[in-house]
Amino acid sequence: MAVTELQKLILGLCDDSSAGLSPNAIIKEVRRIDPGAACSEIKRAINSLVAEGVVHYTQRYGFSQLERNFSCLN
């Protein structure tokens, strides 16, 4: 999978989750959908989305979660 395809998949997972997902949960879910995806590629895609401001980290009950950042219009 190309990084842009991974980014689309990650955004879809964030959109489908009502409570946000931890980075590890996202990696696990992406690997379930695409077993050939390398963890380093998934992490790079997550970091790229965070750097672009499309998703952001939140803290809930002591855990980091990724959620779609709707305050930025890309």
PDB file of N, CA and C in Angstrom:
ATOM      1  N   MET A   1       0.822  -1.193   0.000  1.00  0.00           N
ATOM      2  CA  MET A   1       0.000   0.000   0.000  1.00  0.00           C
ATOM      3  C   MET A   1       0.861   1.249   0.000  1.00  0.00           C
ATOM      4  N   ALA A   2       0.507   2.210  -0.796  1.00  0.00           N
ATOM      5  CA  ALA A   2       1.207   3.495  -0.790  1.00  0.00           C
ATOM      6  C   ALA A   2       0.798   4.284   0.446  1.00  0.00           C
ATOM      7  N   VAL A   3       1.603   5.248   0.811  1.00  0.00           N
ATOM      8  CA  VAL A   3       1.315   6.040   2.009  1.00  0.00           C
ATOM      9  C   VAL A   3      -0.038   6.726   1.881  1.00  0.00           C
ATOM     10  N   THR A   4      -0.378   7.246   0.712  1.00  0.00           N
ATOM     11  CA  THR A   4      -1.656   7.924   0.569  1.00  0.00           C
ATOM     12  C   THR A   4      -2.816   6.961   0.780  1.00  0.00           C
ATOM     13  N   GLU A   5      -2.670   5.727   0.337  1.00  0.00           N
ATOM     14  CA  GLU A   5      -3.713   4.724   0.575  1.00  0.00           C
ATOM     15  C   GLU A   5      -3.810   4.410   2.060  1.00  0.00           C
ATOM     16  N   LEU A   6      -2.674   4.331   2.721  1.00  0.00           N
ATOM     17  CA  LEU A   6      -2.674   4.099   4.167  1.00  0.00           C
ATOM     18  C   LEU A   6      -3.330   5.266   4.892  1.00  0.00           C
ATOM     19  N   GLN A   7      -3.041   6.466   4.449  1.00  0.00           N
ATOM     20  CA  GLN A   7      -3.645   7.637   5.082  1.00  0.00           C
ATOM     21  C   GLN A   7      -5.162   7.604   4.945  1.00  0.00           C
ATOM     22  N   LYS A   8      -5.653   7.246   3.763  1.00  0.00           N
ATOM     23  CA  LYS A   8      -7.100   7.150   3.560  1.00  0.00           C
ATOM     24  C   LYS A   8      -7.703   6.086   4.472  1.00  0.00           C
ATOM     25  N   LEU A   9      -7.020   4.959   4.607  1.00  0.00           N
ATOM     26  CA  LEU A   9      -7.500   3.887   5.475  1.00  0.00           C
ATOM     27  C   LEU A   9      -7.530   4.342   6.931  1.00  0.00           C
ATOM     28  N   ILE A  10      -6.474   5.019   7.359  1.00  0.00           N
ATOM     29  CA  ILE A  10      -6.400   5.509   8.740  1.00  0.00           C
ATOM     30  C   ILE A  10      -7.498   6.523   9.006  1.00  0.00           C
ATOM     31  N   LEU A  11      -7.721   7.433   8.060  1.00  0.00           N
ATOM     32  CA  LEU A  11      -8.786   8.422   8.228  1.00  0.00           C
ATOM     33  C   LEU A  11     -10.147   7.751   8.302  1.00  0.00           C
ATOM     34  N   GLY A  12     -10.364   6.724   7.506  1.00  0.00           N
ATOM     35  CA  GLY A  12     -11.614   5.981   7.565  1.00  0.00           C
ATOM     36  C   GLY A  12     -11.810   5.332   8.923  1.00  0.00           C
ATOM     37  N   LEU A  13     -10.740   4.775   9.475  1.00  0.00           N
ATOM     38  CA  LEU A  13     -10.828   4.158  10.800  1.00  0.00           C
ATOM     39  C   LEU A  13     -11.136   5.204  11.862  1.00  0.00           C
ATOM     40  N   CYS A  14     -10.495   6.368  11.761  1.00  0.00           N
ATOM     41  CA  CYS A  14     -10.762   7.451  12.723  1.00  0.00           C
ATOM     42  C   CYS A  14     -12.203   7.929  12.606  1.00  0.00           C
ATOM     43  N   ASP A  15     -12.702   8.024  11.385  1.00  0.00           N
ATOM     44  CA  ASP A  15     -14.077   8.475  11.170  1.00  0.00           C
ATOM     45  C   ASP A  15     -15.093   7.471  11.702  1.00  0.00           C
ATOM     46  N   ASP A  16     -14.773   6.181  11.581  1.00  0.00           N
ATOM     47  CA  ASP A  16     -15.703   5.137  12.008  1.00  0.00           C
ATOM     48  C   ASP A  16     -15.718   4.939  13.516  1.00  0.00           C
ATOM     49  N   SER A  17     -14.683   5.404  14.194  1.00  0.00           N
ATOM     50  CA  SER A  17     -14.587   5.221  15.642  1.00  0.00           C
ATOM     51  C   SER A  17     -15.234   6.390  16.359  1.00  0.00           C
ATOM     52  N   SER A  18     -16.190   6.094  17.203  1.00  0.00           N
ATOM     53  CA  SER A  18     -16.869   7.160  17.939  1.00  0.00           C
ATOM     54  C   SER A  18     -16.039   7.673  19.111  1.00  0.00           C
ATOM     55  N   ALA A  19     -15.093   6.877  19.596  1.00  0.00           N
ATOM     56  CA  ALA A  19     -14.339   7.266  20.775  1.00  0.00           C
ATOM     57  C   ALA A  19     -12.859   7.484  20.492  1.00  0.00           C
ATOM     58  N   GLY A  20     -12.435   7.435  19.240  1.00  0.00           N
ATOM     59  CA  GLY A  20     -11.017   7.559  18.923  1.00  0.00           C
ATOM     60  C   GLY A  20     -10.314   6.222  19.088  1.00  0.00           C
ATOM     61  N   LEU A  21      -9.178   6.096  18.459  1.00  0.00           N
ATOM     62  CA  LEU A  21      -8.401   4.868  18.506  1.00  0.00           C
ATOM     63  C   LEU A  21      -6.976   5.183  18.925  1.00  0.00           C
ATOM     64  N   SER A  22      -6.379   4.302  19.685  1.00  0.00           N
ATOM     65  CA  SER A  22      -4.973   4.469  20.028  1.00  0.00           C
ATOM     66  C   SER A  22      -4.140   4.186  18.783  1.00  0.00           C
ATOM     67  N   PRO A  23      -2.929   4.739  18.724  1.00  0.00           N
ATOM     68  CA  PRO A  23      -2.075   4.438  17.582  1.00  0.00           C
ATOM     69  C   PRO A  23      -1.852   2.931  17.400  1.00  0.00           C
ATOM     70  N   ASN A  24      -1.692   2.208  18.495  1.00  0.00           N
ATOM     71  CA  ASN A  24      -1.506   0.757  18.397  1.00  0.00           C
ATOM     72  C   ASN A  24      -2.750   0.058  17.859  1.00  0.00           C
ATOM     73  N   ALA A  25      -3.925   0.542  18.246  1.00  0.00           N
ATOM     74  CA  ALA A  25      -5.165  -0.037  17.724  1.00  0.00           C
ATOM     75  C   ALA A  25      -5.290   0.218  16.231  1.00  0.00           C
ATOM     76  N   ILE A  26      -4.858   1.392  15.790  1.00  0.00           N
ATOM     77  CA  ILE A  26      -4.888   1.694  14.363  1.00  0.00           C
ATOM     78  C   ILE A  26      -3.934   0.774  13.612  1.00  0.00           C
ATOM     79  N   ILE A  27      -2.733   0.607  14.134  1.00  0.00           N
ATOM     80  CA  ILE A  27      -1.762  -0.287  13.490  1.00  0.00           C
ATOM     81  C   ILE A  27      -2.319  -1.694  13.400  1.00  0.00           C
ATOM     82  N   LYS A  28      -2.890  -2.179  14.489  1.00  0.00           N
ATOM     83  CA  LYS A  28      -3.454  -3.533  14.510  1.00  0.00           C
ATOM     84  C   LYS A  28      -4.584  -3.680  13.486  1.00  0.00           C
ATOM     85  N   GLU A  29      -5.465  -2.687  13.398  1.00  0.00           N
ATOM     86  CA  GLU A  29      -6.601  -2.752  12.479  1.00  0.00           C
ATOM     87  C   GLU A  29      -6.138  -2.669  11.024  1.00  0.00           C
ATOM     88  N   VAL A  30      -5.169  -1.788  10.746  1.00  0.00           N
ATOM     89  CA  VAL A  30      -4.638  -1.695   9.379  1.00  0.00           C
ATOM     90  C   VAL A  30      -3.978  -3.011   8.988  1.00  0.00           C
ATOM     91  N   ARG A  31      -3.233  -3.621   9.891  1.00  0.00           N
ATOM     92  CA  ARG A  31      -2.572  -4.904   9.592  1.00  0.00           C
ATOM     93  C   ARG A  31      -3.585  -6.022   9.414  1.00  0.00           C
ATOM     94  N   ARG A  32      -4.744  -5.921  10.074  1.00  0.00           N
ATOM     95  CA  ARG A  32      -5.796  -6.920   9.879  1.00  0.00           C
ATOM     96  C   ARG A  32      -6.372  -6.792   8.468  1.00  0.00           C
ATOM     97  N   ILE A  33      -6.560  -5.538   8.036  1.00  0.00           N
ATOM     98  CA  ILE A  33      -7.122  -5.289   6.710  1.00  0.00           C
ATOM     99  C   ILE A  33      -6.092  -5.573   5.621  1.00  0.00           C
ATOM    100  N   ASP A  34      -4.849  -5.137   5.849  1.00  0.00           N
ATOM    101  CA  ASP A  34      -3.769  -5.335   4.883  1.00  0.00           C
ATOM    102  C   ASP A  34      -2.567  -5.948   5.593  1.00  0.00           C
ATOM    103  N   PRO A  35      -2.506  -7.287   5.638  1.00  0.00           N
ATOM    104  CA  PRO A  35      -1.416  -7.954   6.358  1.00  0.00           C
ATOM    105  C   PRO A  35      -0.023  -7.608   5.837  1.00  0.00           C
ATOM    106  N   GLY A  36       0.079  -7.117   4.614  1.00  0.00           N
ATOM    107  CA  GLY A  36       1.375  -6.776   4.042  1.00  0.00           C
ATOM    108  C   GLY A  36       1.890  -5.406   4.448  1.00  0.00           C
ATOM    109  N   ALA A  37       1.064  -4.625   5.118  1.00  0.00           N
ATOM    110  CA  ALA A  37       1.479  -3.273   5.516  1.00  0.00           C
ATOM    111  C   ALA A  37       2.488  -3.367   6.661  1.00  0.00           C
ATOM    112  N   ALA A  38       3.607  -2.682   6.479  1.00  0.00           N
ATOM    113  CA  ALA A  38       4.650  -2.677   7.508  1.00  0.00           C
ATOM    114  C   ALA A  38       4.296  -1.657   8.590  1.00  0.00           C
ATOM    115  N   CYS A  39       4.622  -1.998   9.830  1.00  0.00           N
ATOM    116  CA  CYS A  39       4.342  -1.093  10.955  1.00  0.00           C
ATOM    117  C   CYS A  39       5.008   0.260  10.740  1.00  0.00           C
ATOM    118  N   SER A  40       6.228   0.256  10.192  1.00  0.00           N
ATOM    119  CA  SER A  40       6.932   1.523   9.977  1.00  0.00           C
ATOM    120  C   SER A  40       6.188   2.394   8.966  1.00  0.00           C
ATOM    121  N   GLU A  41       5.597   1.794   7.939  1.00  0.00           N
ATOM    122  CA  GLU A  41       4.823   2.564   6.956  1.00  0.00           C
ATOM    123  C   GLU A  41       3.565   3.145   7.590  1.00  0.00           C
ATOM    124  N   ILE A  42       2.906   2.356   8.424  1.00  0.00           N
ATOM    125  CA  ILE A  42       1.688   2.823   9.088  1.00  0.00           C
ATOM    126  C   ILE A  42       2.015   3.968  10.031  1.00  0.00           C
ATOM    127  N   LYS A  43       3.092   3.827  10.804  1.00  0.00           N
ATOM    128  CA  LYS A  43       3.502   4.888  11.724  1.00  0.00           C
ATOM    129  C   LYS A  43       3.855   6.158  10.958  1.00  0.00           C
ATOM    130  N   ARG A  44       4.533   6.005   9.816  1.00  0.00           N
ATOM    131  CA  ARG A  44       4.882   7.161   8.987  1.00  0.00           C
ATOM    132  C   ARG A  44       3.621   7.857   8.483  1.00  0.00           C
ATOM    133  N   ALA A  45       2.631   7.080   8.075  1.00  0.00           N
ATOM    134  CA  ALA A  45       1.365   7.652   7.596  1.00  0.00           C
ATOM    135  C   ALA A  45       0.645   8.391   8.730  1.00  0.00           C
ATOM    136  N   ILE A  46       0.633   7.807   9.924  1.00  0.00           N
ATOM    137  CA  ILE A  46       0.012   8.456  11.084  1.00  0.00           C
ATOM    138  C   ILE A  46       0.733   9.768  11.388  1.00  0.00           C
ATOM    139  N   ASN A  47       2.070   9.724  11.438  1.00  0.00           N
ATOM    140  CA  ASN A  47       2.849  10.928  11.742  1.00  0.00           C
ATOM    141  C   ASN A  47       2.629  12.014  10.700  1.00  0.00           C
ATOM    142  N   SER A  48       2.494  11.626   9.455  1.00  0.00           N
ATOM    143  CA  SER A  48       2.246  12.586   8.381  1.00  0.00           C
ATOM    144  C   SER A  48       0.889  13.257   8.566  1.00  0.00           C
ATOM    145  N   LEU A  49      -0.128  12.467   8.916  1.00  0.00           N
ATOM    146  CA  LEU A  49      -1.466  13.024   9.139  1.00  0.00           C
ATOM    147  C   LEU A  49      -1.476  13.972  10.340  1.00  0.00           C
ATOM    148  N   VAL A  50      -0.730  13.620  11.383  1.00  0.00           N
ATOM    149  CA  VAL A  50      -0.635  14.495  12.557  1.00  0.00           C
ATOM    150  C   VAL A  50       0.097  15.785  12.185  1.00  0.00           C
ATOM    151  N   ALA A  51       1.199  15.669  11.447  1.00  0.00           N
ATOM    152  CA  ALA A  51       1.977  16.846  11.048  1.00  0.00           C
ATOM    153  C   ALA A  51       1.158  17.786  10.167  1.00  0.00           C
ATOM    154  N   GLU A  52       0.298  17.214   9.335  1.00  0.00           N
ATOM    155  CA  GLU A  52      -0.552  18.025   8.459  1.00  0.00           C
ATOM    156  C   GLU A  52      -1.752  18.603   9.200  1.00  0.00           C
ATOM    157  N   GLY A  53      -1.995  18.139  10.422  1.00  0.00           N
ATOM    158  CA  GLY A  53      -3.106  18.637  11.217  1.00  0.00           C
ATOM    159  C   GLY A  53      -4.445  18.001  10.881  1.00  0.00           C
ATOM    160  N   VAL A  54      -4.424  16.914  10.129  1.00  0.00           N
ATOM    161  CA  VAL A  54      -5.667  16.241   9.736  1.00  0.00           C
ATOM    162  C   VAL A  54      -6.225  15.420  10.893  1.00  0.00           C
ATOM    163  N   VAL A  55      -5.352  14.815  11.680  1.00  0.00           N
ATOM    164  CA  VAL A  55      -5.749  14.109  12.900  1.00  0.00           C
ATOM    165  C   VAL A  55      -4.929  14.693  14.050  1.00  0.00           C
ATOM    166  N   HIS A  56      -5.409  14.503  15.252  1.00  0.00           N
ATOM    167  CA  HIS A  56      -4.681  14.982  16.422  1.00  0.00           C
ATOM    168  C   HIS A  56      -4.839  13.999  17.560  1.00  0.00           C
ATOM    169  N   TYR A  57      -3.887  14.092  18.491  1.00  0.00           N
ATOM    170  CA  TYR A  57      -3.919  13.239  19.673  1.00  0.00           C
ATOM    171  C   TYR A  57      -4.815  13.870  20.725  1.00  0.00           C
ATOM    172  N   THR A  58      -5.576  13.025  21.393  1.00  0.00           N
ATOM    173  CA  THR A  58      -6.357  13.444  22.547  1.00  0.00           C
ATOM    174  C   THR A  58      -6.035  12.485  23.683  1.00  0.00           C
ATOM    175  N   GLN A  59      -6.326  12.902  24.883  1.00  0.00           N
ATOM    176  CA  GLN A  59      -6.123  12.059  26.060  1.00  0.00           C
ATOM    177  C   GLN A  59      -7.471  11.717  26.657  1.00  0.00           C
ATOM    178  N   ARG A  60      -7.738  10.445  26.810  1.00  0.00           N
ATOM    179  CA  ARG A  60      -8.960   9.983  27.482  1.00  0.00           C
ATOM    180  C   ARG A  60      -8.587   8.878  28.449  1.00  0.00           C
ATOM    181  N   TYR A  61      -8.954   9.092  29.685  1.00  0.00           N
ATOM    182  CA  TYR A  61      -8.736   8.081  30.721  1.00  0.00           C
ATOM    183  C   TYR A  61      -7.280   7.631  30.769  1.00  0.00           C
ATOM    184  N   GLY A  62      -6.366   8.566  30.515  1.00  0.00           N
ATOM    185  CA  GLY A  62      -4.945   8.257  30.596  1.00  0.00           C
ATOM    186  C   GLY A  62      -4.358   7.615  29.357  1.00  0.00           C
ATOM    187  N   PHE A  63      -5.122   7.513  28.273  1.00  0.00           N
ATOM    188  CA  PHE A  63      -4.638   6.888  27.048  1.00  0.00           C
ATOM    189  C   PHE A  63      -4.648   7.894  25.905  1.00  0.00           C
ATOM    190  N   SER A  64      -3.613   7.842  25.068  1.00  0.00           N
ATOM    191  CA  SER A  64      -3.567   8.678  23.867  1.00  0.00           C
ATOM    192  C   SER A  64      -4.416   8.046  22.779  1.00  0.00           C
ATOM    193  N   GLN A  65      -5.195   8.879  22.131  1.00  0.00           N
ATOM    194  CA  GLN A  65      -6.038   8.409  21.037  1.00  0.00           C
ATOM    195  C   GLN A  65      -5.932   9.392  19.884  1.00  0.00           C
ATOM    196  N   LEU A  66      -6.124   8.884  18.688  1.00  0.00           N
ATOM    197  CA  LEU A  66      -6.133   9.727  17.498  1.00  0.00           C
ATOM    198  C   LEU A  66      -7.558   9.962  17.063  1.00  0.00           C
ATOM    199  N   GLU A  67      -7.851  11.211  16.744  1.00  0.00           N
ATOM    200  CA  GLU A  67      -9.176  11.573  16.256  1.00  0.00           C
ATOM    201  C   GLU A  67      -9.016  12.517  15.075  1.00  0.00           C
ATOM    202  N   ARG A  68     -10.001  12.544  14.222  1.00  0.00           N
ATOM    203  CA  ARG A  68     -10.017  13.461  13.085  1.00  0.00           C
ATOM    204  C   ARG A  68     -10.104  14.872  13.625  1.00  0.00           C
ATOM    205  N   ASN A  69      -9.328  15.771  13.056  1.00  0.00           N
ATOM    206  CA  ASN A  69      -9.327  17.172  13.456  1.00  0.00           C
ATOM    207  C   ASN A  69     -10.264  17.931  12.519  1.00  0.00           C
ATOM    208  N   PHE A  70     -11.473  18.161  12.946  1.00  0.00           N
ATOM    209  CA  PHE A  70     -12.449  18.830  12.113  1.00  0.00           C
ATOM    210  C   PHE A  70     -12.304  20.347  12.142  1.00  0.00           C
ATOM    211  N   SER A  71     -11.441  20.862  13.009  1.00  0.00           N
ATOM    212  CA  SER A  71     -11.258  22.305  13.060  1.00  0.00           C
ATOM    213  C   SER A  71     -10.379  22.806  11.920  1.00  0.00           C
ATOM    214  N   CYS A  72      -9.650  21.892  11.267  1.00  0.00           N
ATOM    215  CA  CYS A  72      -8.857  22.307  10.115  1.00  0.00           C
ATOM    216  C   CYS A  72      -9.551  21.835   8.850  1.00  0.00           C
ATOM    217  N   LEU A  73      -9.653  22.678   7.898  1.00  0.00           N
ATOM    218  CA  LEU A  73     -10.315  22.341   6.645  1.00  0.00           C
ATOM    219  C   LEU A  73      -9.269  22.088   5.580  1.00  0.00           C
ATOM    220  N   ASN A  74      -9.037  20.810   5.269  1.00  0.00           N
ATOM    221  CA  ASN A  74      -8.069  20.449   4.223  1.00  0.00           C
ATOM    222  C   ASN A  74      -8.792  20.063   2.979  1.00  0.00           C
TER     223      ASN A  74
END
